[in-house]
Amino acid sequence: MDCPKCRNTALLETSLGGNLTVQRCSECEGQWLSATAYRQWQGKTPPQTATTATLNQETIATFAPGESDRKAGLCPECRRYLTRTKVDYLTPFYLERCTECEGYWCDRGEWEVLTRLGVSGSLEQFFEREWQMQIREQAAAESERQGMIEKLGPDLAAQIFALAVTLNHHEHGDYALAYLIRKAAQSSEMREFKMETESPQRTYSR
């Protein structure tokens, strides 16, 4: 089998930790995991769901995607183009899979990152639409949370987060929420009124 990225370089059989047999490229150092070998190894490995918190762990400080990560690859078994999915690690990279034979391709250093994150035993989840939607929602929620902390400060933001949890679990939480929205709207209207009344009046000459 030839390397999906180098094309003319033959893959050589080697073994990763846990007796996982892979085909490795001596040129770009990428690794091909056949579906059969991966599933045999996967059956002995506890699965772990990847979350934004999981992916934000700094596991290998020196990791940086290689040039081959930017290239589209051909499955060394089926000769079909590999499907790519983005892994939002601290330094994002692309994991690739063949939709025909279901083997995986990891460019240099990617398998080590996935292993240290504890998610190398569940590679299929990165290609599932439901998981991708959950990751986007988690990322949006974390961005909103950080924005709240930056604008309100950590202490007040912590109070807001705690209040949100309390109201969410209270049977009349929607009543309190409506009250807060109404007070916020009144405050906004009052600020606009003050700005209008305090702005200098225009004078017109005939």
Protein backbone atom coordinates (compact mmCIF):
# COMPACT_ATOMS: atom_id res chain seq x y z
CA MET A 1 0.00 0.00 0.00
CA ASP A 2 1.16 3.51 -0.79
CA CYS A 3 0.99 6.54 1.50
CA PRO A 4 -2.24 8.57 1.05
CA LYS A 5 -0.26 11.83 1.08
CA CYS A 6 3.14 10.99 -0.41
CA ARG A 7 1.51 8.69 -3.02
CA ASN A 8 4.74 7.02 -4.18
CA THR A 9 6.04 5.97 -0.77
CA ALA A 10 5.14 2.48 0.44
CA LEU A 11 3.64 2.08 3.90
CA LEU A 12 5.53 -0.15 6.30
CA GLU A 13 3.91 -2.24 9.02
CA THR A 14 4.68 -1.27 12.60
CA SER A 15 3.02 -1.42 16.00
CA LEU A 16 1.75 1.29 18.32
CA GLY A 17 1.19 0.98 22.05
CA GLY A 18 -1.39 -1.59 23.06
CA ASN A 19 -0.53 -3.97 20.21
CA LEU A 20 -2.21 -1.89 17.55
CA THR A 21 -0.78 -2.76 14.14
CA VAL A 22 -0.60 0.16 11.70
CA GLN A 23 0.96 1.00 8.36
CA ARG A 24 3.43 3.87 8.64
CA CYS A 25 4.95 6.20 6.05
CA SER A 26 8.69 6.71 6.49
CA GLU A 27 8.49 9.97 4.53
CA CYS A 28 5.70 12.02 6.21
CA GLU A 29 5.41 9.80 9.32
CA GLY A 30 1.64 9.44 8.92
CA GLN A 31 -0.12 6.24 10.02
CA TRP A 32 -2.87 4.15 8.44
CA LEU A 33 -5.18 2.27 10.80
CA SER A 34 -7.12 -0.42 8.96
CA ALA A 35 -10.69 -0.95 10.18
CA THR A 36 -9.95 -4.56 11.16
CA ALA A 37 -6.84 -3.79 13.22
CA TYR A 38 -8.40 -0.72 14.82
CA ARG A 39 -11.61 -2.50 15.87
CA GLN A 40 -9.68 -5.37 17.41
CA TRP A 41 -7.64 -2.91 19.45
CA GLN A 42 -10.70 -0.73 20.15
CA GLY A 43 -12.52 -3.63 21.79
CA LYS A 44 -9.92 -3.60 24.57
CA THR A 45 -9.95 0.18 25.02
CA PRO A 46 -12.55 2.03 27.13
CA PRO A 47 -14.39 4.64 25.02
CA GLN A 48 -14.41 8.31 25.98
CA THR A 49 -16.58 11.09 24.63
CA ALA A 50 -14.62 14.08 23.38
CA THR A 51 -15.82 17.44 24.72
CA THR A 52 -14.51 20.98 24.33
CA ALA A 53 -12.95 20.64 27.79
CA THR A 54 -11.25 17.41 26.74
CA LEU A 55 -9.91 18.90 23.52
CA ASN A 56 -8.66 22.04 25.27
CA GLN A 57 -6.17 20.11 27.37
CA GLU A 58 -2.56 20.89 26.53
CA THR A 59 -1.06 17.45 25.99
CA ILE A 60 1.88 18.05 23.66
CA ALA A 61 3.10 21.64 23.78
CA THR A 62 5.29 21.24 20.70
CA PHE A 63 2.58 19.71 18.48
CA ALA A 64 1.90 21.46 15.19
CA PRO A 65 0.11 19.95 12.18
CA GLY A 66 2.49 19.02 9.38
CA GLU A 67 2.26 20.05 5.74
CA SER A 68 0.58 16.73 4.92
CA ASP A 69 -2.41 17.66 7.12
CA ARG A 70 -3.40 20.25 4.51
CA LYS A 71 -3.48 17.72 1.68
CA ALA A 72 -6.39 15.55 0.58
CA GLY A 73 -5.48 11.87 0.76
CA LEU A 74 -6.41 8.70 -1.10
CA CYS A 75 -7.32 5.59 0.87
CA PRO A 76 -4.38 3.18 0.53
CA GLU A 77 -6.83 0.27 0.39
CA CYS A 78 -9.74 1.59 -1.70
CA ARG A 79 -8.05 4.45 -3.59
CA ARG A 80 -10.98 6.72 -2.74
CA TYR A 81 -10.58 10.21 -1.34
CA LEU A 82 -10.58 10.24 2.45
CA THR A 83 -13.24 12.15 4.36
CA ARG A 84 -11.82 14.85 6.61
CA THR A 85 -13.15 16.14 9.92
CA LYS A 86 -11.70 18.95 11.99
CA VAL A 87 -10.50 18.17 15.52
CA ASP A 88 -10.68 21.43 17.49
CA TYR A 89 -7.62 20.80 19.61
CA LEU A 90 -5.61 23.81 20.88
CA THR A 91 -3.87 23.57 17.52
CA PRO A 92 -6.65 22.22 15.23
CA PHE A 93 -5.94 19.43 12.79
CA TYR A 94 -7.84 17.08 10.46
CA LEU A 95 -8.55 13.42 11.11
CA GLU A 96 -9.33 11.37 8.00
CA ARG A 97 -11.38 8.25 7.33
CA CYS A 98 -12.37 6.13 4.34
CA THR A 99 -16.15 5.84 4.03
CA GLU A 100 -15.73 2.59 2.09
CA CYS A 101 -13.39 0.44 4.21
CA GLU A 102 -13.68 2.65 7.34
CA GLY A 103 -9.95 2.83 7.98
CA TYR A 104 -8.37 5.94 9.55
CA TRP A 105 -5.41 8.10 8.59
CA CYS A 106 -3.49 10.13 11.16
CA ASP A 107 -0.84 12.60 10.02
CA ARG A 108 2.37 12.98 12.01
CA GLY A 109 1.78 13.50 15.73
CA GLU A 110 -2.03 13.32 15.58
CA TRP A 111 -2.37 9.81 17.02
CA GLU A 112 -0.17 10.79 19.96
CA VAL A 113 -2.38 13.83 20.68
CA LEU A 114 -5.59 11.78 20.46
CA THR A 115 -4.11 9.12 22.72
CA ARG A 116 -3.01 11.59 25.40
CA LEU A 117 -6.43 13.23 25.29
CA GLY A 118 -7.91 9.78 25.93
CA VAL A 119 -10.11 9.71 22.82
CA SER A 120 -8.12 7.51 20.43
CA GLY A 121 -10.44 4.61 21.28
CA SER A 122 -13.48 6.44 19.87
CA LEU A 123 -12.35 7.95 16.56
CA GLU A 124 -15.72 7.36 14.88
CA GLN A 125 -17.38 10.02 17.05
CA PHE A 126 -15.46 12.81 15.28
CA PHE A 127 -17.33 11.98 12.06
CA GLU A 128 -20.81 11.83 13.61
CA ARG A 129 -23.08 14.76 12.83
CA GLU A 130 -24.67 14.75 16.29
CA TRP A 131 -21.27 14.97 17.98
CA GLN A 132 -20.18 17.83 15.72
CA MET A 133 -23.35 19.76 16.60
CA GLN A 134 -22.75 19.20 20.32
CA ILE A 135 -19.19 20.46 20.03
CA ARG A 136 -20.35 23.62 18.26
CA GLU A 137 -22.96 24.22 20.97
CA GLN A 138 -20.37 23.67 23.71
CA ALA A 139 -17.96 26.05 22.01
CA ALA A 140 -20.66 28.73 21.66
CA ALA A 141 -21.65 28.34 25.32
CA GLU A 142 -18.03 28.61 26.46
CA SER A 143 -17.51 31.70 24.31
CA GLU A 144 -20.61 33.30 25.85
CA ARG A 145 -19.39 32.39 29.33
CA GLN A 146 -15.97 33.94 28.74
CA GLY A 147 -17.61 37.07 27.31
CA MET A 148 -19.72 37.39 30.46
CA ILE A 149 -16.65 37.10 32.68
CA GLU A 150 -14.76 39.72 30.65
CA LYS A 151 -17.62 42.24 30.74
CA LEU A 152 -18.90 41.73 34.30
CA GLY A 153 -15.82 40.48 36.11
CA PRO A 154 -15.43 36.98 37.60
CA ASP A 155 -17.35 37.65 40.84
CA LEU A 156 -20.52 39.12 39.33
CA ALA A 157 -20.38 36.63 36.45
CA ALA A 158 -20.25 33.76 38.97
CA GLN A 159 -23.40 35.15 40.63
CA ILE A 160 -25.17 35.34 37.27
CA PHE A 161 -24.21 31.76 36.42
CA ALA A 162 -25.42 30.53 39.81
CA LEU A 163 -28.70 32.45 39.45
CA ALA A 164 -29.25 30.98 35.99
CA VAL A 165 -28.88 27.46 37.38
CA THR A 166 -31.25 28.24 40.28
CA LEU A 167 -33.95 29.72 38.01
CA ASN A 168 -33.60 26.86 35.56
CA HIS A 169 -34.49 24.37 38.31
CA HIS A 170 -37.20 26.46 40.01
CA GLU A 171 -40.82 25.83 39.07
CA HIS A 172 -41.47 29.58 38.81
CA GLY A 173 -38.13 30.48 37.30
CA ASP A 174 -39.79 31.81 34.14
CA TYR A 175 -41.60 34.44 36.26
CA ALA A 176 -38.31 35.72 37.68
CA LEU A 177 -36.77 35.70 34.22
CA ALA A 178 -39.64 37.79 32.83
CA TYR A 179 -39.13 40.26 35.68
CA LEU A 180 -35.41 40.60 34.91
CA ILE A 181 -36.08 41.11 31.21
CA ARG A 182 -38.67 43.80 31.98
CA LYS A 183 -36.34 45.63 34.35
CA ALA A 184 -33.50 45.45 31.83
CA ALA A 185 -35.77 46.89 29.11
CA GLN A 186 -36.87 49.75 31.40
CA SER A 187 -33.24 50.50 32.27
CA SER A 188 -32.33 50.57 28.59
CA GLU A 189 -35.22 52.91 27.76
CA MET A 190 -34.22 55.23 30.62
CA ARG A 191 -30.61 55.42 29.37
CA GLU A 192 -31.83 56.28 25.87
CA PHE A 193 -34.13 58.98 27.27
CA LYS A 194 -31.29 60.56 29.26
CA MET A 195 -29.03 60.57 26.20
CA GLU A 196 -31.71 62.36 24.17
CA THR A 197 -32.46 64.98 26.83
CA GLU A 198 -28.81 65.65 27.65
CA SER A 199 -27.63 65.97 24.04
CA PRO A 200 -27.02 69.60 22.92
CA GLN A 201 -29.95 71.14 21.05
CA ARG A 202 -29.37 72.10 17.46
CA THR A 203 -29.75 75.71 16.42
CA TYR A 204 -31.00 76.58 12.99
CA SER A 205 -30.36 79.90 11.18
CA ARG A 206 -32.77 81.34 8.66
